[in-house]
């Protein structure tokens, strides 16, 4: 299988690929020594780490339920002229259905305008609404920044410190870097750097329903709630979306002598340029991919869905290519 997996990742040219399945590390690839040693920029995979931290806060009673109005943490929403802002809940922020007028890239370029502003949270809260909260999913790194601010308020400590105490520390993740906004709030939508091996640990925690070395870090109920499909996303990033996790399902073409395989459900963290953490419960598998070579806007193969997943499931890789890019 190692040769098949090596061939499967070749078109993607990853800097690293780690695959854990059936209680063992099945495949470990690094382009060079630095890919194993240096922390990878995981970009929007940061969102899924933040999701797990928020779930831990829910479990511990530090955060009220997901139906809690966001104005509980941001009084500016209660004072807004648009009364719809008072109906935004934590769930809307988690599923990116808050309704803010936002274009991540292209058009209005909301993301770079936020990062150039002196107050990122204030920038997002002041945005007009284009939709009633809960009606439509719009990919929005700004609401991720709001959620990092919510966690810091609820926990009474910076987001990264909360991670050290309740996630990174128990997982043995010591070598990381996490950016902050001008107010010192850790970036919720991007900005985290982790070793590929530590990305795998995080994925394994989710696969193991929140337990690590016999210790429960977050509840299975929260994992289920956060990683199941809550809304559908449209182009240019189509797919299912949960609480800052993407979701997918794919039927695998059978091998020459195999019976047709059932459709496999999975959830995953997705970061710009090809950073991924995939969790496939039915295969008891976690796949980590990092990438540091790409041409902006270029066509990229769906190396997981079209090549790796079929090999892991005992089917046939395909040669189709996806036209999507990842942020």
C-alpha atoms as a PDB file:
ATOM      1  CA  UNK A   1       0.000   0.000   0.000  1.00  0.00           C
ATOM      2  CA  UNK A   2       2.905   2.370   0.646  1.00  0.00           C
ATOM      3  CA  UNK A   3       3.767   2.498  -3.063  1.00  0.00           C
ATOM      4  CA  UNK A   4       0.129   3.218  -3.939  1.00  0.00           C
ATOM      5  CA  UNK A   5      -0.048   6.024  -1.402  1.00  0.00           C
ATOM      6  CA  UNK A   6       3.237   7.501  -2.619  1.00  0.00           C
ATOM      7  CA  UNK A   7       1.910   7.510  -6.177  1.00  0.00           C
ATOM      8  CA  UNK A   8      -1.411   8.998  -5.010  1.00  0.00           C
ATOM      9  CA  UNK A   9       0.153  12.088  -3.445  1.00  0.00           C
ATOM     10  CA  UNK A  10       2.658  12.753  -6.227  1.00  0.00           C
ATOM     11  CA  UNK A  11       0.447  15.184  -8.243  1.00  0.00           C
ATOM     12  CA  UNK A  12      -0.202  17.219  -5.101  1.00  0.00           C
ATOM     13  CA  UNK A  13       3.487  17.664  -4.219  1.00  0.00           C
ATOM     14  CA  UNK A  14       2.865  17.961  -0.465  1.00  0.00           C
ATOM     15  CA  UNK A  15       5.526  19.004   1.992  1.00  0.00           C
ATOM     16  CA  UNK A  16       4.179  16.325   4.340  1.00  0.00           C
ATOM     17  CA  UNK A  17       1.594  13.561   4.394  1.00  0.00           C
ATOM     18  CA  UNK A  18       0.782  11.489   7.468  1.00  0.00           C
ATOM     19  CA  UNK A  19      -1.830   8.745   7.488  1.00  0.00           C
ATOM     20  CA  UNK A  20      -2.999   6.908  10.585  1.00  0.00           C
ATOM     21  CA  UNK A  21      -5.406   3.998  10.182  1.00  0.00           C
ATOM     22  CA  UNK A  22      -6.485   1.025  12.282  1.00  0.00           C
ATOM     23  CA  UNK A  23      -4.392   1.909  15.343  1.00  0.00           C
ATOM     24  CA  UNK A  24      -1.099   2.491  13.531  1.00  0.00           C
ATOM     25  CA  UNK A  25       0.811   5.078  11.550  1.00  0.00           C
ATOM     26  CA  UNK A  26       0.298   3.693   8.077  1.00  0.00           C
ATOM     27  CA  UNK A  27       2.214   6.257   6.039  1.00  0.00           C
ATOM     28  CA  UNK A  28       4.636   9.078   6.822  1.00  0.00           C
ATOM     29  CA  UNK A  29       6.113  11.277   4.121  1.00  0.00           C
ATOM     30  CA  UNK A  30       8.177  14.475   4.316  1.00  0.00           C
ATOM     31  CA  UNK A  31       9.582  16.168   1.238  1.00  0.00           C
ATOM     32  CA  UNK A  32      12.718  16.992   3.188  1.00  0.00           C
ATOM     33  CA  UNK A  33      14.023  17.230   6.728  1.00  0.00           C
ATOM     34  CA  UNK A  34      12.695  20.746   7.251  1.00  0.00           C
ATOM     35  CA  UNK A  35       9.116  19.623   6.529  1.00  0.00           C
ATOM     36  CA  UNK A  36       9.279  17.315   9.554  1.00  0.00           C
ATOM     37  CA  UNK A  37      11.075  19.808  11.775  1.00  0.00           C
ATOM     38  CA  UNK A  38       9.443  23.158  10.948  1.00  0.00           C
ATOM     39  CA  UNK A  39       5.987  24.300  12.009  1.00  0.00           C
ATOM     40  CA  UNK A  40       3.555  24.410   9.084  1.00  0.00           C
ATOM     41  CA  UNK A  41       1.357  27.414   8.403  1.00  0.00           C
ATOM     42  CA  UNK A  42      -2.035  25.747   8.659  1.00  0.00           C
ATOM     43  CA  UNK A  43      -4.031  28.842   7.666  1.00  0.00           C
ATOM     44  CA  UNK A  44      -7.786  28.179   8.032  1.00  0.00           C
ATOM     45  CA  UNK A  45      -7.258  24.809   9.727  1.00  0.00           C
ATOM     46  CA  UNK A  46      -6.924  27.176  12.696  1.00  0.00           C
ATOM     47  CA  UNK A  47     -10.719  27.508  12.593  1.00  0.00           C
ATOM     48  CA  UNK A  48     -11.202  23.831  13.435  1.00  0.00           C
ATOM     49  CA  UNK A  49      -8.759  24.011  16.339  1.00  0.00           C
ATOM     50  CA  UNK A  50     -10.727  26.993  17.636  1.00  0.00           C
ATOM     51  CA  UNK A  51     -13.934  24.972  17.248  1.00  0.00           C
ATOM     52  CA  UNK A  52     -12.540  22.242  19.500  1.00  0.00           C
ATOM     53  CA  UNK A  53     -11.511  24.829  22.090  1.00  0.00           C
ATOM     54  CA  UNK A  54     -15.004  26.313  22.082  1.00  0.00           C
ATOM     55  CA  UNK A  55     -16.468  22.828  22.519  1.00  0.00           C
ATOM     56  CA  UNK A  56     -14.218  22.320  25.535  1.00  0.00           C
ATOM     57  CA  UNK A  57     -15.492  25.609  26.935  1.00  0.00           C
ATOM     58  CA  UNK A  58     -19.095  24.470  26.371  1.00  0.00           C
ATOM     59  CA  UNK A  59     -18.324  21.191  28.139  1.00  0.00           C
ATOM     60  CA  UNK A  60     -16.803  22.974  31.121  1.00  0.00           C
ATOM     61  CA  UNK A  61     -19.692  25.380  31.492  1.00  0.00           C
ATOM     62  CA  UNK A  62     -17.483  28.365  30.718  1.00  0.00           C
ATOM     63  CA  UNK A  63     -19.675  29.181  27.743  1.00  0.00           C
ATOM     64  CA  UNK A  64     -23.470  29.076  27.756  1.00  0.00           C
ATOM     65  CA  UNK A  65     -25.219  27.104  25.018  1.00  0.00           C
ATOM     66  CA  UNK A  66     -24.792  27.787  21.315  1.00  0.00           C
ATOM     67  CA  UNK A  67     -28.163  29.556  21.197  1.00  0.00           C
ATOM     68  CA  UNK A  68     -26.774  32.325  23.423  1.00  0.00           C
ATOM     69  CA  UNK A  69     -27.063  35.755  21.750  1.00  0.00           C
ATOM     70  CA  UNK A  70     -23.709  37.093  20.595  1.00  0.00           C
ATOM     71  CA  UNK A  71     -24.641  40.451  22.178  1.00  0.00           C
ATOM     72  CA  UNK A  72     -23.920  38.789  25.541  1.00  0.00           C
ATOM     73  CA  UNK A  73     -20.246  39.191  24.651  1.00  0.00           C
ATOM     74  CA  UNK A  74     -20.495  42.172  22.290  1.00  0.00           C
ATOM     75  CA  UNK A  75     -22.759  44.942  23.669  1.00  0.00           C
ATOM     76  CA  UNK A  76     -22.276  46.854  20.403  1.00  0.00           C
ATOM     77  CA  UNK A  77     -24.660  44.392  18.766  1.00  0.00           C
ATOM     78  CA  UNK A  78     -27.390  45.285  21.273  1.00  0.00           C
ATOM     79  CA  UNK A  79     -26.958  48.968  20.394  1.00  0.00           C
ATOM     80  CA  UNK A  80     -26.945  48.428  16.619  1.00  0.00           C
ATOM     81  CA  UNK A  81     -29.528  50.264  14.545  1.00  0.00           C
ATOM     82  CA  UNK A  82     -30.203  47.046  12.636  1.00  0.00           C
ATOM     83  CA  UNK A  83     -32.218  45.011  15.132  1.00  0.00           C
ATOM     84  CA  UNK A  84     -31.357  41.794  13.279  1.00  0.00           C
ATOM     85  CA  UNK A  85     -27.893  41.951  14.839  1.00  0.00           C
ATOM     86  CA  UNK A  86     -29.471  41.250  18.220  1.00  0.00           C
ATOM     87  CA  UNK A  87     -30.611  37.892  16.871  1.00  0.00           C
ATOM     88  CA  UNK A  88     -27.099  36.668  16.043  1.00  0.00           C
ATOM     89  CA  UNK A  89     -26.216  33.685  18.236  1.00  0.00           C
ATOM     90  CA  UNK A  90     -23.033  31.757  18.947  1.00  0.00           C
ATOM     91  CA  UNK A  91     -24.385  29.025  16.681  1.00  0.00           C
ATOM     92  CA  UNK A  92     -24.646  31.522  13.826  1.00  0.00           C
ATOM     93  CA  UNK A  93     -21.013  32.478  14.349  1.00  0.00           C
ATOM     94  CA  UNK A  94     -19.937  28.822  14.482  1.00  0.00           C
ATOM     95  CA  UNK A  95     -21.764  27.965  11.246  1.00  0.00           C
ATOM     96  CA  UNK A  96     -20.886  31.254   9.513  1.00  0.00           C
ATOM     97  CA  UNK A  97     -24.552  32.139   9.092  1.00  0.00           C
ATOM     98  CA  UNK A  98     -24.460  35.393  11.091  1.00  0.00           C
ATOM     99  CA  UNK A  99     -25.503  37.342   7.997  1.00  0.00           C
ATOM    100  CA  UNK A 100     -22.680  39.908   7.858  1.00  0.00           C
ATOM    101  CA  UNK A 101     -21.958  41.475   4.485  1.00  0.00           C
ATOM    102  CA  UNK A 102     -18.629  39.835   3.728  1.00  0.00           C
ATOM    103  CA  UNK A 103     -16.512  38.713   0.802  1.00  0.00           C
ATOM    104  CA  UNK A 104     -13.505  36.717   1.970  1.00  0.00           C
ATOM    105  CA  UNK A 105     -11.485  37.290  -1.200  1.00  0.00           C
ATOM    106  CA  UNK A 106     -12.363  39.028  -4.438  1.00  0.00           C
ATOM    107  CA  UNK A 107     -14.937  41.768  -4.753  1.00  0.00           C
ATOM    108  CA  UNK A 108     -14.989  43.718  -1.505  1.00  0.00           C
ATOM    109  CA  UNK A 109     -11.962  41.858  -0.121  1.00  0.00           C
ATOM    110  CA  UNK A 110     -13.322  41.883   3.412  1.00  0.00           C
ATOM    111  CA  UNK A 111     -10.542  39.726   4.834  1.00  0.00           C
ATOM    112  CA  UNK A 112      -7.595  42.002   3.982  1.00  0.00           C
ATOM    113  CA  UNK A 113      -9.607  45.076   4.986  1.00  0.00           C
ATOM    114  CA  UNK A 114     -10.146  43.512   8.413  1.00  0.00           C
ATOM    115  CA  UNK A 115      -6.456  42.678   8.862  1.00  0.00           C
ATOM    116  CA  UNK A 116      -5.469  46.234   7.912  1.00  0.00           C
ATOM    117  CA  UNK A 117      -7.879  47.767  10.422  1.00  0.00           C
ATOM    118  CA  UNK A 118      -6.726  48.813  13.932  1.00  0.00           C
ATOM    119  CA  UNK A 119      -9.551  46.842  15.617  1.00  0.00           C
ATOM    120  CA  UNK A 120     -10.528  43.578  13.921  1.00  0.00           C
ATOM    121  CA  UNK A 121     -13.420  42.729  16.232  1.00  0.00           C
ATOM    122  CA  UNK A 122     -14.805  46.246  15.955  1.00  0.00           C
ATOM    123  CA  UNK A 123     -14.477  46.090  12.175  1.00  0.00           C
ATOM    124  CA  UNK A 124     -16.585  42.925  11.968  1.00  0.00           C
ATOM    125  CA  UNK A 125     -19.240  44.069  14.434  1.00  0.00           C
ATOM    126  CA  UNK A 126     -19.737  47.312  12.492  1.00  0.00           C
ATOM    127  CA  UNK A 127     -20.367  45.554   9.183  1.00  0.00           C
ATOM    128  CA  UNK A 128     -23.908  45.760   7.777  1.00  0.00           C
ATOM    129  CA  UNK A 129     -25.968  42.604   7.469  1.00  0.00           C
ATOM    130  CA  UNK A 130     -26.776  41.242   4.030  1.00  0.00           C
ATOM    131  CA  UNK A 131     -28.957  38.408   5.349  1.00  0.00           C
ATOM    132  CA  UNK A 132     -31.161  37.533   8.286  1.00  0.00           C
ATOM    133  CA  UNK A 133     -29.031  35.537  10.758  1.00  0.00           C
ATOM    134  CA  UNK A 134     -29.303  31.817  10.125  1.00  0.00           C
ATOM    135  CA  UNK A 135     -30.460  32.081   6.514  1.00  0.00           C
ATOM    136  CA  UNK A 136     -27.246  31.696   4.473  1.00  0.00           C
ATOM    137  CA  UNK A 137     -23.686  30.529   5.031  1.00  0.00           C
ATOM    138  CA  UNK A 138     -21.003  32.986   3.931  1.00  0.00           C
ATOM    139  CA  UNK A 139     -17.399  31.937   4.547  1.00  0.00           C
ATOM    140  CA  UNK A 140     -16.099  34.589   6.913  1.00  0.00           C
ATOM    141  CA  UNK A 141     -12.840  34.671   8.853  1.00  0.00           C
ATOM    142  CA  UNK A 142     -14.178  37.726  10.650  1.00  0.00           C
ATOM    143  CA  UNK A 143     -16.702  35.707  12.652  1.00  0.00           C
ATOM    144  CA  UNK A 144     -13.856  33.371  13.611  1.00  0.00           C
ATOM    145  CA  UNK A 145     -12.119  36.380  15.160  1.00  0.00           C
ATOM    146  CA  UNK A 146     -15.307  37.141  17.091  1.00  0.00           C
ATOM    147  CA  UNK A 147     -15.321  33.562  18.404  1.00  0.00           C
ATOM    148  CA  UNK A 148     -11.713  33.802  19.578  1.00  0.00           C
ATOM    149  CA  UNK A 149     -12.688  36.977  21.445  1.00  0.00           C
ATOM    150  CA  UNK A 150     -15.703  35.159  22.933  1.00  0.00           C
ATOM    151  CA  UNK A 151     -13.495  32.329  24.183  1.00  0.00           C
ATOM    152  CA  UNK A 152     -10.973  34.714  25.723  1.00  0.00           C
ATOM    153  CA  UNK A 153     -13.777  36.540  27.553  1.00  0.00           C
ATOM    154  CA  UNK A 154     -15.454  33.363  28.774  1.00  0.00           C
ATOM    155  CA  UNK A 155     -12.240  31.664  29.871  1.00  0.00           C
ATOM    156  CA  UNK A 156     -10.674  34.768  31.376  1.00  0.00           C
ATOM    157  CA  UNK A 157      -7.417  34.102  29.532  1.00  0.00           C
ATOM    158  CA  UNK A 158      -5.998  34.337  25.998  1.00  0.00           C
ATOM    159  CA  UNK A 159      -7.127  31.701  23.523  1.00  0.00           C
ATOM    160  CA  UNK A 160      -3.647  30.178  23.229  1.00  0.00           C
ATOM    161  CA  UNK A 161      -3.301  29.908  26.999  1.00  0.00           C
ATOM    162  CA  UNK A 162      -6.648  28.103  27.171  1.00  0.00           C
ATOM    163  CA  UNK A 163      -5.366  25.785  24.432  1.00  0.00           C
ATOM    164  CA  UNK A 164      -2.203  25.071  26.393  1.00  0.00           C
ATOM    165  CA  UNK A 165      -4.179  24.113  29.473  1.00  0.00           C
ATOM    166  CA  UNK A 166      -6.966  22.075  27.911  1.00  0.00           C
ATOM    167  CA  UNK A 167      -5.843  20.872  24.468  1.00  0.00           C
ATOM    168  CA  UNK A 168      -2.214  21.395  23.517  1.00  0.00           C
ATOM    169  CA  UNK A 169      -0.811  20.452  26.910  1.00  0.00           C
ATOM    170  CA  UNK A 170      -2.676  17.127  27.221  1.00  0.00           C
ATOM    171  CA  UNK A 171      -1.796  16.253  23.606  1.00  0.00           C
ATOM    172  CA  UNK A 172       1.886  17.043  24.162  1.00  0.00           C
ATOM    173  CA  UNK A 173       1.857  19.950  21.700  1.00  0.00           C
ATOM    174  CA  UNK A 174       4.588  22.315  22.852  1.00  0.00           C
ATOM    175  CA  UNK A 175       6.053  23.759  19.653  1.00  0.00           C
ATOM    176  CA  UNK A 176       3.463  26.101  18.140  1.00  0.00           C
ATOM    177  CA  UNK A 177       3.022  29.718  17.105  1.00  0.00           C
ATOM    178  CA  UNK A 178      -0.241  31.672  17.069  1.00  0.00           C
ATOM    179  CA  UNK A 179      -0.679  35.179  15.685  1.00  0.00           C
ATOM    180  CA  UNK A 180      -2.663  37.931  17.441  1.00  0.00           C
ATOM    181  CA  UNK A 181      -4.698  40.898  16.295  1.00  0.00           C
ATOM    182  CA  UNK A 182      -3.883  44.504  17.347  1.00  0.00           C
ATOM    183  CA  UNK A 183      -5.826  44.019  20.615  1.00  0.00           C
ATOM    184  CA  UNK A 184      -3.844  40.891  21.450  1.00  0.00           C
ATOM    185  CA  UNK A 185      -6.666  38.453  20.596  1.00  0.00           C
ATOM    186  CA  UNK A 186      -5.337  35.297  18.982  1.00  0.00           C
ATOM    187  CA  UNK A 187      -6.430  34.960  15.374  1.00  0.00           C
ATOM    188  CA  UNK A 188      -9.475  32.727  15.118  1.00  0.00           C
ATOM    189  CA  UNK A 189      -9.547  32.142  11.376  1.00  0.00           C
ATOM    190  CA  UNK A 190      -5.869  31.615  10.556  1.00  0.00           C
ATOM    191  CA  UNK A 191      -2.402  32.262  11.981  1.00  0.00           C
ATOM    192  CA  UNK A 192      -1.667  29.026  13.845  1.00  0.00           C
ATOM    193  CA  UNK A 193       1.485  27.064  13.020  1.00  0.00           C
ATOM    194  CA  UNK A 194       1.853  23.427  14.048  1.00  0.00           C
ATOM    195  CA  UNK A 195       4.128  20.508  13.317  1.00  0.00           C
ATOM    196  CA  UNK A 196       2.518  17.931  11.007  1.00  0.00           C
ATOM    197  CA  UNK A 197       2.874  15.350  13.792  1.00  0.00           C
ATOM    198  CA  UNK A 198       0.852  17.595  16.106  1.00  0.00           C
ATOM    199  CA  UNK A 199      -1.817  18.125  13.450  1.00  0.00           C
ATOM    200  CA  UNK A 200      -2.132  14.325  13.418  1.00  0.00           C
ATOM    201  CA  UNK A 201      -2.538  14.234  17.207  1.00  0.00           C
ATOM    202  CA  UNK A 202      -5.374  16.732  16.945  1.00  0.00           C
ATOM    203  CA  UNK A 203      -7.113  14.660  14.285  1.00  0.00           C
ATOM    204  CA  UNK A 204      -6.698  11.511  16.366  1.00  0.00           C
ATOM    205  CA  UNK A 205      -8.337  13.195  19.332  1.00  0.00           C
ATOM    206  CA  UNK A 206     -11.421  13.804  17.195  1.00  0.00           C
ATOM    207  CA  UNK A 207     -11.318  10.260  15.802  1.00  0.00           C
ATOM    208  CA  UNK A 208     -11.152   8.923  19.365  1.00  0.00           C
ATOM    209  CA  UNK A 209     -14.270  10.891  20.321  1.00  0.00           C
ATOM    210  CA  UNK A 210     -12.406  13.300  22.575  1.00  0.00           C
ATOM    211  CA  UNK A 211     -10.209  10.964  24.638  1.00  0.00           C
ATOM    212  CA  UNK A 212      -6.427  10.937  24.786  1.00  0.00           C
ATOM    213  CA  UNK A 213      -4.397   8.394  26.742  1.00  0.00           C
ATOM    214  CA  UNK A 214      -7.500   7.490  28.720  1.00  0.00           C
ATOM    215  CA  UNK A 215      -8.304  11.119  29.576  1.00  0.00           C
ATOM    216  CA  UNK A 216     -11.375  12.865  28.221  1.00  0.00           C
ATOM    217  CA  UNK A 217     -10.561  16.302  26.815  1.00  0.00           C
ATOM    218  CA  UNK A 218     -13.925  17.039  25.204  1.00  0.00           C
ATOM    219  CA  UNK A 219     -17.210  15.210  25.026  1.00  0.00           C
ATOM    220  CA  UNK A 220     -18.279  12.917  22.220  1.00  0.00           C
ATOM    221  CA  UNK A 221     -21.538  14.878  22.104  1.00  0.00           C
ATOM    222  CA  UNK A 222     -19.717  18.108  21.326  1.00  0.00           C
ATOM    223  CA  UNK A 223     -17.615  16.421  18.659  1.00  0.00           C
ATOM    224  CA  UNK A 224     -20.749  15.080  16.990  1.00  0.00           C
ATOM    225  CA  UNK A 225     -22.478  18.462  17.143  1.00  0.00           C
ATOM    226  CA  UNK A 226     -19.489  20.351  15.747  1.00  0.00           C
ATOM    227  CA  UNK A 227     -18.485  17.994  12.928  1.00  0.00           C
ATOM    228  CA  UNK A 228     -21.838  17.123  11.358  1.00  0.00           C
ATOM    229  CA  UNK A 229     -23.255  19.081   8.441  1.00  0.00           C
ATOM    230  CA  UNK A 230     -25.196  22.113   9.656  1.00  0.00           C
ATOM    231  CA  UNK A 231     -25.327  24.159   6.436  1.00  0.00           C
ATOM    232  CA  UNK A 232     -24.276  23.965   2.804  1.00  0.00           C
ATOM    233  CA  UNK A 233     -21.676  26.269   1.300  1.00  0.00           C
ATOM    234  CA  UNK A 234     -21.843  27.517  -2.276  1.00  0.00           C
ATOM    235  CA  UNK A 235     -19.049  28.329  -4.784  1.00  0.00           C
ATOM    236  CA  UNK A 236     -16.155  28.957  -4.736  1.00  0.00           C
ATOM    237  CA  UNK A 237     -15.904  26.670  -1.683  1.00  0.00           C
ATOM    238  CA  UNK A 238     -18.843  24.264  -2.032  1.00  0.00           C
ATOM    239  CA  UNK A 239     -19.493  21.568   0.542  1.00  0.00           C
ATOM    240  CA  UNK A 240     -21.035  20.800   3.881  1.00  0.00           C
ATOM    241  CA  UNK A 241     -20.110  22.865   6.913  1.00  0.00           C
ATOM    242  CA  UNK A 242     -20.458  22.277  10.640  1.00  0.00           C
ATOM    243  CA  UNK A 243     -19.024  24.352  13.476  1.00  0.00           C
ATOM    244  CA  UNK A 244     -15.881  25.535  11.690  1.00  0.00           C
ATOM    245  CA  UNK A 245     -15.375  22.059  10.201  1.00  0.00           C
ATOM    246  CA  UNK A 246     -16.004  21.040   6.590  1.00  0.00           C
ATOM    247  CA  UNK A 247     -17.896  17.819   5.899  1.00  0.00           C
ATOM    248  CA  UNK A 248     -17.950  15.446   2.956  1.00  0.00           C
ATOM    249  CA  UNK A 249     -19.274  12.134   1.687  1.00  0.00           C
ATOM    250  CA  UNK A 250     -17.920  10.118  -1.197  1.00  0.00           C
ATOM    251  CA  UNK A 251     -18.582   6.774  -2.826  1.00  0.00           C
ATOM    252  CA  UNK A 252     -15.410   4.897  -3.694  1.00  0.00           C
ATOM    253  CA  UNK A 253     -15.020   3.031  -6.982  1.00  0.00           C
ATOM    254  CA  UNK A 254     -14.387  -0.648  -6.196  1.00  0.00           C
ATOM    255  CA  UNK A 255     -11.198  -2.475  -7.090  1.00  0.00           C
ATOM    256  CA  UNK A 256     -11.115  -5.112  -9.807  1.00  0.00           C
ATOM    257  CA  UNK A 257     -12.492  -7.888  -7.592  1.00  0.00           C
ATOM    258  CA  UNK A 258     -14.143  -5.855  -4.854  1.00  0.00           C
ATOM    259  CA  UNK A 259     -17.805  -5.228  -4.214  1.00  0.00           C
ATOM    260  CA  UNK A 260     -18.961  -1.600  -4.483  1.00  0.00           C
ATOM    261  CA  UNK A 261     -18.022   0.267  -1.335  1.00  0.00           C
ATOM    262  CA  UNK A 262     -20.602   2.282   0.586  1.00  0.00           C
ATOM    263  CA  UNK A 263     -20.312   6.061   0.611  1.00  0.00           C
ATOM    264  CA  UNK A 264     -17.828   7.230   3.222  1.00  0.00           C
ATOM    265  CA  UNK A 265     -18.559  10.236   5.421  1.00  0.00           C
ATOM    266  CA  UNK A 266     -15.730  12.363   6.742  1.00  0.00           C
ATOM    267  CA  UNK A 267     -15.035  15.766   8.216  1.00  0.00           C
ATOM    268  CA  UNK A 268     -11.985  17.913   7.777  1.00  0.00           C
ATOM    269  CA  UNK A 269     -10.070  21.089   8.511  1.00  0.00           C
ATOM    270  CA  UNK A 270      -9.084  22.960   5.365  1.00  0.00           C
ATOM    271  CA  UNK A 271      -6.444  25.641   4.979  1.00  0.00           C
ATOM    272  CA  UNK A 272      -5.275  27.844   2.133  1.00  0.00           C
ATOM    273  CA  UNK A 273      -2.796  26.321  -0.292  1.00  0.00           C
ATOM    274  CA  UNK A 274      -3.483  22.703   0.629  1.00  0.00           C
ATOM    275  CA  UNK A 275      -3.355  22.235   4.410  1.00  0.00           C
ATOM    276  CA  UNK A 276      -5.736  19.526   5.607  1.00  0.00           C
ATOM    277  CA  UNK A 277      -6.697  17.327   8.528  1.00  0.00           C
ATOM    278  CA  UNK A 278      -9.186  14.641   7.432  1.00  0.00           C
ATOM    279  CA  UNK A 279     -11.008  12.340   9.840  1.00  0.00           C
ATOM    280  CA  UNK A 280     -12.754   9.270   8.375  1.00  0.00           C
ATOM    281  CA  UNK A 281     -14.517   7.429  11.227  1.00  0.00           C
ATOM    282  CA  UNK A 282     -15.598   4.394   9.161  1.00  0.00           C
ATOM    283  CA  UNK A 283     -11.971   3.698   8.194  1.00  0.00           C
ATOM    284  CA  UNK A 284     -10.641   4.668  11.643  1.00  0.00           C
ATOM    285  CA  UNK A 285      -8.330   6.968   9.745  1.00  0.00           C
ATOM    286  CA  UNK A 286      -6.794  10.422   9.980  1.00  0.00           C
ATOM    287  CA  UNK A 287      -4.971  12.026   7.049  1.00  0.00           C
ATOM    288  CA  UNK A 288      -2.767  15.110   7.387  1.00  0.00           C
ATOM    289  CA  UNK A 289      -1.502  17.032   4.378  1.00  0.00           C
ATOM    290  CA  UNK A 290       0.645  20.165   4.341  1.00  0.00           C
ATOM    291  CA  UNK A 291       1.828  22.039   1.296  1.00  0.00           C
ATOM    292  CA  UNK A 292       4.134  25.003   0.769  1.00  0.00           C
ATOM    293  CA  UNK A 293       4.384  25.160  -3.017  1.00  0.00           C
ATOM    294  CA  UNK A 294       1.473  26.373  -5.082  1.00  0.00           C
ATOM    295  CA  UNK A 295       0.578  29.028  -7.592  1.00  0.00           C
ATOM    296  CA  UNK A 296      -2.191  31.318  -6.421  1.00  0.00           C
ATOM    297  CA  UNK A 297      -5.471  30.534  -8.135  1.00  0.00           C
ATOM    298  CA  UNK A 298      -4.058  27.434  -9.839  1.00  0.00           C
ATOM    299  CA  UNK A 299      -6.033  24.235 -10.312  1.00  0.00           C
ATOM    300  CA  UNK A 300      -5.308  21.683  -7.610  1.00  0.00           C
ATOM    301  CA  UNK A 301      -6.028  17.968  -7.541  1.00  0.00           C
ATOM    302  CA  UNK A 302      -8.375  16.707  -4.859  1.00  0.00           C
ATOM    303  CA  UNK A 303      -5.672  14.384  -3.629  1.00  0.00           C
ATOM    304  CA  UNK A 304      -7.723  13.084  -0.710  1.00  0.00           C
ATOM    305  CA  UNK A 305     -11.100  12.398  -2.297  1.00  0.00           C
ATOM    306  CA  UNK A 306      -9.843  11.246  -5.688  1.00  0.00           C
ATOM    307  CA  UNK A 307      -6.636   9.453  -4.801  1.00  0.00           C
ATOM    308  CA  UNK A 308      -5.961   8.781  -1.119  1.00  0.00           C
ATOM    309  CA  UNK A 309      -9.451   7.833   0.033  1.00  0.00           C
ATOM    310  CA  UNK A 310      -9.920   5.181  -2.671  1.00  0.00           C
ATOM    311  CA  UNK A 311      -6.573   3.576  -1.795  1.00  0.00           C
ATOM    312  CA  UNK A 312      -7.413   3.523   1.909  1.00  0.00           C
ATOM    313  CA  UNK A 313     -10.837   2.053   1.177  1.00  0.00           C
ATOM    314  CA  UNK A 314      -9.437  -0.598  -1.159  1.00  0.00           C
ATOM    315  CA  UNK A 315     -10.788   0.991  -4.332  1.00  0.00           C
ATOM    316  CA  UNK A 316      -9.342   2.696  -7.380  1.00  0.00           C
ATOM    317  CA  UNK A 317      -7.874   6.200  -7.570  1.00  0.00           C
ATOM    318  CA  UNK A 318      -9.309   8.491 -10.233  1.00  0.00           C
ATOM    319  CA  UNK A 319      -7.547  11.068 -12.356  1.00  0.00           C
ATOM    320  CA  UNK A 320     -10.123  13.852 -12.187  1.00  0.00           C
ATOM    321  CA  UNK A 321      -8.914  17.225 -10.940  1.00  0.00           C
ATOM    322  CA  UNK A 322     -10.738  19.737  -8.819  1.00  0.00           C
ATOM    323  CA  UNK A 323     -10.859  23.378  -9.887  1.00  0.00           C
ATOM    324  CA  UNK A 324     -11.273  24.635  -6.330  1.00  0.00           C
ATOM    325  CA  UNK A 325      -8.663  26.317  -4.213  1.00  0.00           C
ATOM    326  CA  UNK A 326      -8.514  26.287  -0.489  1.00  0.00           C
ATOM    327  CA  UNK A 327      -8.423  28.977   2.171  1.00  0.00           C
END
